[in-house]
Protein backbone atom coordinates (compact mmCIF):
# COMPACT_ATOMS: atom_id res chain seq x y z
CA MET A 1 72.70 88.99 129.47
CA ALA A 2 75.96 87.42 130.62
CA VAL A 3 79.31 89.22 130.78
CA VAL A 4 82.46 87.10 130.81
CA ASP A 5 85.76 88.75 131.74
CA ARG A 6 89.11 87.02 132.20
CA ALA A 7 90.25 89.77 134.63
CA ASP A 8 89.42 89.86 138.31
CA GLN A 9 88.31 93.51 138.23
CA PHE A 10 86.05 95.56 135.99
CA GLY A 11 87.08 97.83 133.17
CA GLY A 12 90.36 96.57 131.76
CA LEU A 13 92.57 99.55 130.94
CA ALA A 14 89.68 101.88 131.84
CA GLY A 15 89.33 100.46 135.34
CA SER A 16 90.72 101.73 138.61
CA ILE A 17 92.76 100.30 141.46
CA VAL A 18 93.22 101.58 145.02
CA ILE A 19 96.70 102.70 146.10
CA GLY A 20 97.37 104.64 149.26
CA GLU A 21 93.62 104.73 150.06
CA GLN A 22 93.07 106.54 146.77
CA SER A 23 91.35 105.42 143.56
CA VAL A 24 93.82 105.71 140.67
CA ASP A 25 93.57 104.97 136.96
CA ILE A 26 95.34 102.25 135.00
CA GLY A 27 97.37 104.97 133.32
CA SER A 28 95.56 108.23 132.59
CA HIS A 29 91.95 108.52 131.43
CA ARG A 30 89.37 111.22 130.91
CA LEU A 31 86.15 111.78 128.99
CA HIS A 32 86.91 114.30 126.26
CA PRO A 33 84.52 117.11 125.31
CA SER A 34 83.90 115.44 121.94
CA ILE A 35 81.92 112.67 123.66
CA ASP A 36 78.49 112.16 122.12
CA PRO A 37 75.99 114.31 124.14
CA ASP A 38 73.42 111.50 124.36
CA LEU A 39 76.08 109.12 125.61
CA LEU A 40 77.16 111.65 128.24
CA ARG A 41 73.55 111.98 129.40
CA ASP A 42 73.19 108.19 129.63
CA LEU A 43 76.36 107.94 131.69
CA ARG A 44 75.11 110.53 134.13
CA GLU A 45 71.90 108.54 134.61
CA VAL A 46 73.71 105.23 135.14
CA LEU A 47 76.51 106.53 137.33
CA GLY A 48 74.30 108.31 139.80
CA VAL A 49 77.37 110.36 140.76
CA GLU A 50 78.76 113.65 139.63
CA LEU A 51 80.73 113.92 136.40
CA GLN A 52 82.90 116.95 136.99
CA TRP A 53 84.00 119.34 134.25
CA ARG A 54 87.69 119.90 134.87
CA PRO A 55 90.06 122.39 133.24
CA ARG A 56 92.89 120.80 131.31
CA ARG A 57 96.22 121.48 133.03
CA GLY A 58 99.00 119.54 131.36
CA ARG A 59 102.66 120.21 130.59
CA ILE A 60 105.09 118.80 128.04
CA ARG A 61 108.87 118.71 128.32
CA MET A 62 110.59 119.71 125.07
CA LEU A 63 114.16 120.80 124.52
CA GLY A 64 114.69 121.25 128.25
CA ARG A 65 111.67 123.51 128.74
CA TRP A 66 108.13 123.12 130.02
CA LEU A 67 105.28 124.09 127.69
CA ALA A 68 101.54 123.98 128.32
CA PHE A 69 99.90 120.91 126.82
CA PRO A 70 97.83 121.01 124.70
CA LEU A 71 100.09 123.62 123.12
CA ARG A 72 99.04 127.29 123.23
CA PRO A 73 100.43 130.02 120.98
CA LEU A 74 101.19 132.58 123.67
CA ASP A 75 102.81 129.97 125.89
CA ILE A 76 105.07 128.86 123.01
CA VAL A 77 106.16 132.47 122.49
CA ARG A 78 106.88 132.94 126.20
CA HIS A 79 108.45 129.63 127.19
CA ALA A 80 109.66 127.65 124.16
CA SER A 81 113.24 127.84 122.97
CA PRO A 82 113.65 130.56 120.31
CA SER A 83 114.63 127.94 117.72
CA PHE A 84 111.46 125.90 118.37
CA ALA A 85 109.15 128.92 118.29
CA ALA A 86 110.76 130.22 115.08
CA GLY A 87 110.59 126.77 113.52
CA VAL A 88 106.86 126.43 114.26
CA VAL A 89 106.14 129.87 112.79
CA GLY A 90 108.21 129.03 109.70
CA ASP A 91 106.47 125.68 109.26
CA VAL A 92 103.05 127.37 109.37
CA ALA A 93 104.15 129.90 106.76
CA MET A 94 105.64 127.23 104.49
CA ALA A 95 102.71 124.79 104.76
CA PRO A 96 101.14 125.52 101.31
CA PHE A 97 104.50 125.17 99.54
CA ARG A 98 105.44 122.08 101.53
CA ARG A 99 102.21 120.31 100.63
CA ARG A 100 102.63 121.09 96.92
CA LEU A 101 106.24 119.96 96.81
CA GLY A 102 106.03 117.04 99.23
CA ALA A 103 102.73 115.32 98.46
CA SER A 104 104.19 112.96 95.84
CA ARG A 105 107.10 112.07 98.11
CA ALA A 106 104.77 111.30 101.03
CA ALA A 107 102.59 109.18 98.74
CA ALA A 108 105.62 107.24 97.56
CA THR A 109 106.70 106.64 101.18
CA PRO A 110 103.43 106.30 103.12
CA SER A 111 104.77 106.46 106.66
CA PHE A 112 103.83 108.24 109.87
CA SER A 113 106.92 110.45 109.69
CA ALA A 114 106.26 111.42 106.09
CA GLN A 115 102.73 112.52 106.94
CA VAL A 116 103.75 114.48 110.05
CA ARG A 117 106.50 116.32 108.20
CA LEU A 118 104.28 117.03 105.20
CA ARG A 119 101.22 118.21 107.12
CA LEU A 120 102.63 119.74 110.31
CA GLY A 121 106.20 120.54 109.36
CA PRO A 122 109.65 119.33 110.41
CA THR A 123 109.87 121.28 113.68
CA ILE A 124 106.91 119.70 115.47
CA ALA A 125 107.76 116.35 113.85
CA ARG A 126 111.35 116.39 115.05
CA SER A 127 110.60 117.78 118.52
CA PHE A 128 107.42 115.91 119.44
CA TYR A 129 105.73 113.41 117.15
CA GLU A 130 108.71 111.38 115.96
CA PRO A 131 110.43 110.88 119.34
CA TYR A 132 107.09 110.22 121.04
CA ALA A 133 106.17 107.64 118.40
CA ARG A 134 109.51 105.91 118.93
CA LYS A 135 108.86 105.83 122.68
CA LEU A 136 105.27 104.57 122.50
CA TRP A 137 105.50 102.00 119.69
CA GLY A 138 109.18 101.08 119.75
CA LEU A 139 109.66 101.88 116.05
CA ASP A 140 110.99 104.86 114.15
CA GLY A 141 108.34 107.01 112.48
CA ASP A 142 109.33 105.88 108.98
CA GLN A 143 108.59 102.28 110.02
CA LEU A 144 105.06 103.16 111.14
CA SER A 145 102.04 103.30 108.85
CA ALA A 146 100.64 106.58 107.58
CA ASP A 147 97.31 105.39 109.01
CA LEU A 148 98.72 106.06 112.47
CA PHE A 149 98.81 109.77 111.62
CA ARG A 150 95.13 109.72 110.71
CA ARG A 151 94.23 107.88 113.91
CA ARG A 152 96.40 109.78 116.36
CA VAL A 153 96.72 113.39 115.14
CA THR A 154 93.54 115.40 115.65
CA ALA A 155 94.89 118.52 113.93
CA ALA A 156 96.15 117.49 110.50
CA SER A 157 97.51 120.85 109.34
CA PRO A 158 99.31 123.86 110.85
CA SER A 159 96.18 125.98 110.58
CA ALA A 160 94.16 123.27 112.34
CA VAL A 161 96.79 123.16 115.08
CA VAL A 162 96.41 126.90 115.59
CA ARG A 163 92.61 126.65 115.65
CA LYS A 164 92.84 123.89 118.24
CA MET A 165 95.28 125.92 120.32
CA MET A 166 92.84 128.83 120.32
CA GLY A 167 89.93 126.62 121.39
CA GLY A 168 88.22 127.38 124.66
CA ARG A 169 85.96 124.65 126.03
CA GLY A 170 88.08 121.97 124.40
CA ARG A 171 90.69 122.59 127.11
CA GLY A 172 88.76 120.56 129.64
CA PHE A 173 87.35 117.10 130.28
CA TRP A 174 84.73 115.17 132.21
CA TYR A 175 85.80 112.97 135.10
CA PRO A 176 83.91 111.00 137.79
CA THR A 177 84.31 112.25 141.34
CA SER A 178 85.30 108.82 142.64
CA GLY A 179 87.74 107.87 139.88
CA PHE A 180 87.47 106.74 136.28
CA GLY A 181 86.80 103.11 137.16
CA THR A 182 83.47 104.23 138.62
CA ILE A 183 82.13 104.17 135.06
CA CYS A 184 82.93 100.48 134.60
CA THR A 185 81.66 99.36 138.01
CA ALA A 186 78.45 101.36 137.59
CA LEU A 187 77.77 99.73 134.22
CA ALA A 188 78.43 96.28 135.70
CA ASP A 189 76.06 97.02 138.58
CA GLU A 190 73.42 98.13 136.08
CA ILE A 191 73.75 94.83 134.20
CA VAL A 192 73.17 92.89 137.41
CA ARG A 193 70.28 95.17 138.40
CA ARG A 194 68.58 94.33 135.11
CA GLY A 195 68.93 90.60 135.67
CA GLY A 196 72.23 89.94 133.96
CA VAL A 197 75.17 87.90 135.24
CA VAL A 198 78.81 88.98 135.42
CA HIS A 199 81.53 86.27 135.43
CA MET A 200 84.90 87.68 136.51
CA GLY A 201 88.20 85.82 136.36
CA THR A 202 86.81 83.58 133.63
CA LEU A 203 88.73 82.58 130.50
CA ILE A 204 86.90 81.62 127.30
CA GLU A 205 88.47 78.51 125.82
CA SER A 206 86.29 78.03 122.73
CA LEU A 207 83.46 79.68 120.80
CA ASP A 208 80.97 77.81 118.60
CA LEU A 209 78.76 79.96 116.40
CA ASP A 210 75.88 79.32 114.04
CA GLU A 211 72.85 81.29 112.87
CA GLU A 212 70.66 80.08 115.73
CA ARG A 213 72.87 80.02 118.80
CA VAL A 214 76.24 80.71 120.35
CA GLN A 215 78.03 78.39 122.75
CA LEU A 216 80.94 79.53 124.93
CA THR A 217 83.07 77.07 126.85
CA THR A 218 85.22 78.39 129.66
CA SER A 219 88.53 76.97 130.88
CA ALA A 220 86.65 75.69 133.94
CA GLY A 221 84.37 73.64 131.67
CA CYS A 222 81.33 75.88 132.10
CA VAL A 223 79.11 76.20 129.01
CA ILE A 224 77.22 79.44 128.33
CA GLU A 225 74.65 79.70 125.54
CA ALA A 226 73.44 82.93 123.96
CA ARG A 227 71.97 84.39 120.77
CA THR A 228 74.79 86.88 120.13
CA VAL A 229 78.37 87.37 121.30
CA ILE A 230 79.76 90.90 121.62
CA SER A 231 83.51 90.45 121.93
CA THR A 232 86.34 92.75 122.98
CA ILE A 233 88.86 89.86 123.03
CA PRO A 234 92.16 90.62 121.21
CA SER A 235 91.89 89.28 117.67
CA ALA A 236 94.69 86.70 118.07
CA SER A 237 92.94 85.12 121.07
CA LEU A 238 89.52 85.40 119.45
CA VAL A 239 90.40 83.62 116.20
CA ALA A 240 92.12 80.89 118.25
CA ALA A 241 88.92 80.39 120.29
CA LEU A 242 86.97 80.22 117.01
CA ARG A 243 89.42 77.64 115.64
CA ALA A 244 89.93 79.80 112.55
CA PRO A 245 91.91 78.64 109.50
CA GLY A 246 95.69 78.80 109.81
CA GLU A 247 96.10 81.80 107.50
CA VAL A 248 93.68 83.84 109.64
CA VAL A 249 95.52 82.85 112.82
CA ASP A 250 98.81 83.85 111.17
CA ALA A 251 97.37 87.23 110.09
CA ALA A 252 96.07 87.91 113.61
CA GLY A 253 99.51 87.07 114.95
CA GLN A 254 100.95 89.94 112.90
CA LEU A 255 98.78 92.43 114.79
CA ALA A 256 101.10 93.12 117.70
CA PHE A 257 100.63 95.32 120.76
CA ARG A 258 103.09 97.17 122.92
CA GLY A 259 102.45 97.09 126.61
CA ALA A 260 103.10 99.47 129.48
CA VAL A 261 104.72 99.30 132.89
CA LEU A 262 102.97 101.58 135.36
CA VAL A 263 104.97 102.82 138.33
CA TYR A 264 102.91 104.31 141.17
CA LEU A 265 104.54 106.46 143.84
CA THR A 266 102.72 107.41 147.04
CA VAL A 267 104.16 110.82 147.93
CA PRO A 268 103.60 112.43 151.38
CA LEU A 269 102.34 115.73 149.98
CA THR A 270 98.84 117.08 149.56
CA ARG A 271 99.76 117.78 145.91
CA TYR A 272 102.96 117.01 144.03
CA THR A 273 102.24 119.65 141.35
CA PRO A 274 99.15 121.61 140.26
CA PHE A 275 99.18 119.78 136.88
CA ASP A 276 97.08 116.75 135.94
CA ALA A 277 99.67 115.27 133.56
CA HIS A 278 103.23 115.76 132.34
CA TYR A 279 104.30 114.46 128.92
CA PHE A 280 107.84 113.36 128.06
CA PRO A 281 108.33 112.70 124.32
CA GLU A 282 112.12 112.72 124.42
CA ALA A 283 114.43 109.76 124.99
CA SER A 284 116.04 111.38 128.06
CA THR A 285 113.59 109.44 130.26
CA ILE A 286 111.79 106.10 129.91
CA VAL A 287 108.60 107.76 131.23
CA SER A 288 106.11 108.83 128.56
CA ARG A 289 103.54 110.45 130.86
CA LEU A 290 103.23 111.24 134.55
CA SER A 291 99.73 111.76 135.93
CA GLU A 292 98.44 112.78 139.35
CA PRO A 293 94.89 111.42 139.82
CA LYS A 294 94.03 113.92 142.58
CA ASN A 295 94.30 116.70 139.99
CA TYR A 296 91.76 115.03 137.70
CA ARG A 297 88.95 115.64 140.18
CA SER A 298 87.84 117.38 143.34
CA SER A 299 86.88 114.75 145.91
CA ALA A 300 86.49 114.85 149.67
CA ASN A 301 87.27 111.12 149.69
CA ASP A 302 90.88 111.60 148.57
CA PRO A 303 93.45 111.48 151.40
CA GLN A 304 94.66 114.88 152.52
CA HIS A 305 98.21 114.09 153.56
CA HIS A 306 99.53 112.20 150.53
CA THR A 307 99.06 111.94 146.79
CA VAL A 308 99.73 109.21 144.24
CA LEU A 309 101.67 109.61 140.99
CA CYS A 310 101.43 107.27 138.00
CA ALA A 311 104.42 107.07 135.66
CA GLU A 312 103.66 105.30 132.37
CA ILE A 313 106.54 103.47 130.69
CA PRO A 314 105.90 101.89 127.27
CA ALA A 315 107.45 98.43 127.07
CA ALA A 316 107.18 95.17 125.18
CA VAL A 317 106.36 92.00 127.08
CA GLY A 318 109.66 90.35 127.97
CA ASP A 319 111.94 93.27 127.13
CA ASP A 320 114.48 94.77 129.55
CA ILE A 321 112.09 97.30 131.06
CA TRP A 322 109.29 94.73 131.42
CA LEU A 323 111.64 92.38 133.31
CA THR A 324 113.28 95.03 135.49
CA ASP A 325 112.86 94.50 139.23
CA ASP A 326 110.06 96.61 140.74
CA ASP A 327 112.26 98.37 143.30
CA GLU A 328 114.79 99.24 140.60
CA LEU A 329 112.04 100.68 138.39
CA VAL A 330 110.69 102.80 141.25
CA ALA A 331 114.17 104.17 141.97
CA ARG A 332 114.81 104.89 138.29
CA VAL A 333 111.53 106.76 137.86
CA ARG A 334 112.25 108.88 140.93
CA ARG A 335 115.73 109.73 139.62
CA GLU A 336 114.58 110.52 136.07
CA LEU A 337 111.72 112.76 137.19
CA MET A 338 114.22 114.89 139.05
CA GLU A 339 116.48 114.94 135.98
CA GLN A 340 113.52 116.33 134.03
CA GLY A 341 113.29 119.31 136.39
CA LEU A 342 110.59 118.06 138.77
CA ALA A 343 110.84 118.03 142.56
CA ASP A 344 112.11 114.93 144.33
CA PRO A 345 109.07 112.60 144.54
CA THR A 346 110.20 111.18 147.87
CA HIS A 347 107.75 108.34 148.38
CA VAL A 348 106.47 106.27 151.25
CA ALA A 349 105.48 103.41 148.94
CA GLY A 350 105.97 102.27 145.36
CA ARG A 351 103.96 99.82 143.30
CA VAL A 352 104.38 98.48 139.78
CA GLU A 353 101.64 97.21 137.45
CA ARG A 354 102.17 95.67 134.00
CA ARG A 355 99.67 95.60 131.13
CA SER A 356 100.41 93.76 127.88
CA HIS A 357 97.87 95.14 125.35
CA VAL A 358 98.05 98.94 125.40
CA TYR A 359 99.35 100.37 122.10
CA PRO A 360 98.38 98.70 118.78
CA ILE A 361 101.53 98.80 116.65
CA TYR A 362 100.65 100.15 113.21
CA HIS A 363 103.80 99.04 111.44
CA ARG A 364 103.91 99.64 107.71
CA GLY A 365 101.93 96.89 106.00
CA PHE A 366 99.78 95.99 109.03
CA GLU A 367 96.66 96.93 107.05
CA GLN A 368 96.75 93.74 104.99
CA SER A 369 96.81 91.52 108.09
CA ARG A 370 93.99 93.48 109.72
CA ARG A 371 91.83 93.28 106.58
CA HIS A 372 92.37 89.51 106.46
CA VAL A 373 91.20 89.11 110.04
CA GLU A 374 88.26 91.51 109.59
CA ALA A 375 87.07 89.68 106.47
CA TYR A 376 86.94 86.43 108.43
CA LEU A 377 85.19 87.93 111.47
CA ASP A 378 82.67 89.80 109.30
CA LEU A 379 81.40 86.45 108.04
CA GLN A 380 80.86 84.91 111.47
CA PRO A 381 77.22 84.64 112.47
CA SER A 382 76.09 86.10 115.78
CA LEU A 383 79.44 87.78 116.49
CA ALA A 384 80.15 91.50 116.88
CA VAL A 385 83.67 92.67 117.73
CA LEU A 386 84.46 96.09 119.16
CA GLY A 387 87.00 97.90 121.29
CA ARG A 388 90.72 98.61 121.00
CA GLN A 389 92.03 95.06 121.28
CA ALA A 390 89.41 93.38 119.12
CA LEU A 391 89.46 95.95 116.31
CA PHE A 392 93.20 96.69 116.64
CA ALA A 393 92.22 100.33 116.71
CA HIS A 394 93.49 103.37 118.58
CA ASP A 395 90.59 104.87 120.49
CA ASN A 396 89.44 106.78 123.55
CA THR A 397 87.03 105.56 126.21
CA HIS A 398 84.18 107.58 124.71
CA HIS A 399 84.74 105.75 121.41
CA ALA A 400 84.54 102.36 123.13
CA LEU A 401 81.40 103.38 125.02
CA LEU A 402 79.79 104.59 121.81
CA MET A 403 80.60 101.26 120.13
CA GLY A 404 78.82 99.47 122.94
CA LYS A 405 75.80 101.69 122.58
CA MET A 406 75.67 101.32 118.80
CA VAL A 407 75.93 97.53 118.77
CA VAL A 408 72.49 97.46 120.38
CA GLU A 409 71.14 99.14 117.24
CA ALA A 410 72.25 96.08 115.24
CA LEU A 411 70.27 93.61 117.38
CA ASP A 412 66.77 92.55 116.40
CA SER A 413 63.89 92.24 118.85
CA THR A 414 65.04 88.75 119.92
CA GLY A 415 68.64 89.82 120.57
CA ARG A 416 70.10 88.33 117.40
CA LEU A 417 72.71 90.26 115.45
CA GLU A 418 71.76 91.72 112.08
CA ARG A 419 75.07 90.99 110.36
CA GLU A 420 74.97 93.46 107.47
CA ARG A 421 73.71 96.28 109.64
CA TRP A 422 76.46 95.70 112.18
CA ASN A 423 79.17 95.57 109.51
CA ALA A 424 78.04 98.98 108.25
CA ILE A 425 78.05 100.41 111.79
CA ARG A 426 81.47 98.94 112.53
CA ARG A 427 82.98 100.57 109.47
CA SER A 428 81.98 103.95 110.89
CA PHE A 429 84.48 103.35 113.71
CA ASP A 430 87.29 103.74 111.18
CA ASP A 431 86.79 107.51 111.46
CA HIS A 432 87.63 107.64 115.16
CA VAL A 433 90.62 109.87 115.95
CA VAL A 434 92.34 109.70 119.33
CA GLU A 435 92.45 112.75 121.59
CA ASP A 436 95.39 113.04 124.01
């Protein structure tokens, strides 16, 4: 087995970096309780380190108030504004009438906003989902596909929201003691242990496929031969490497991503807050989420006298935020966190990271472009595509790991891909729903 990665470190968005002598995520990651039990067992065996079960302790800022996140009924009653609490109760009561009266309208205008308002009601749509969608994807909810609702909203009705709020064990997650990137490095080490080769910092320039063999040529002129390619390359780059027909290249070019600017602050406190993450759906700050990696785990290796914060800022490559000077971004994040009611995150160091492919943009009509690309890739011999960038799919880490495990089921005893079997398995990924 050979792994080829254009990055210099393992894991992509699921990897870790070290800041202030502390392992921190590229954003915020966790293994949700819905992870496949067999997959969780396999991870424990490969990691050789503890996967800790951690209670979920998040907060969301809405209408100038802090609420527990995920939302909880009693907390809404105690801490939400009276208008928000009354609106949620009214939306739950009106749900059957709203669905009867609004189904035809939502079908006529199949957008994210239409689905949220129909299924969850106008209060939660107006206060959370619509402003958060605008912040993450850079488009208003009525410009986003209804398929985004199916992919991103785990509770698709008011009653389901209430059931989820009342859940017990679902309010926690699994996390490696030494940081989330431990998963990726452990898997890479296992590949090497079993005789495989890992090529980091290597760009694939072209791919030649036929029924008998695969040939990869890197930008350095190195040629790698294999029986099957399992690709997580973004579809636009992949079809270019395959020298696909122009109409396929054009369709892949319509599948756009929004990136993220990550601002890390090293704060001279043992803990900044007791919460693992803060969510900011409103436009009053450019930050969408603030996480504190120390609160995702209990580790004796973490420094005692400072903590690191990660502020995630959705941005498009080349836009004003993306091009803003690092020091200016650090100062702005510090100022805006205080404006949101948090303590002054006086920092001893700031660092900014930029990632281009974070949020697949499900604009209305994207489905046709994705189907065009999928139809082409489904016909390619010896090629399996999986992962967020390759499938243009919203997912969690446990989804991506499960894809990797399941692709093995589509290989025959010689390592060649059984095309029809893989296509059927891949279609099952369409049912994945993201958990926040």
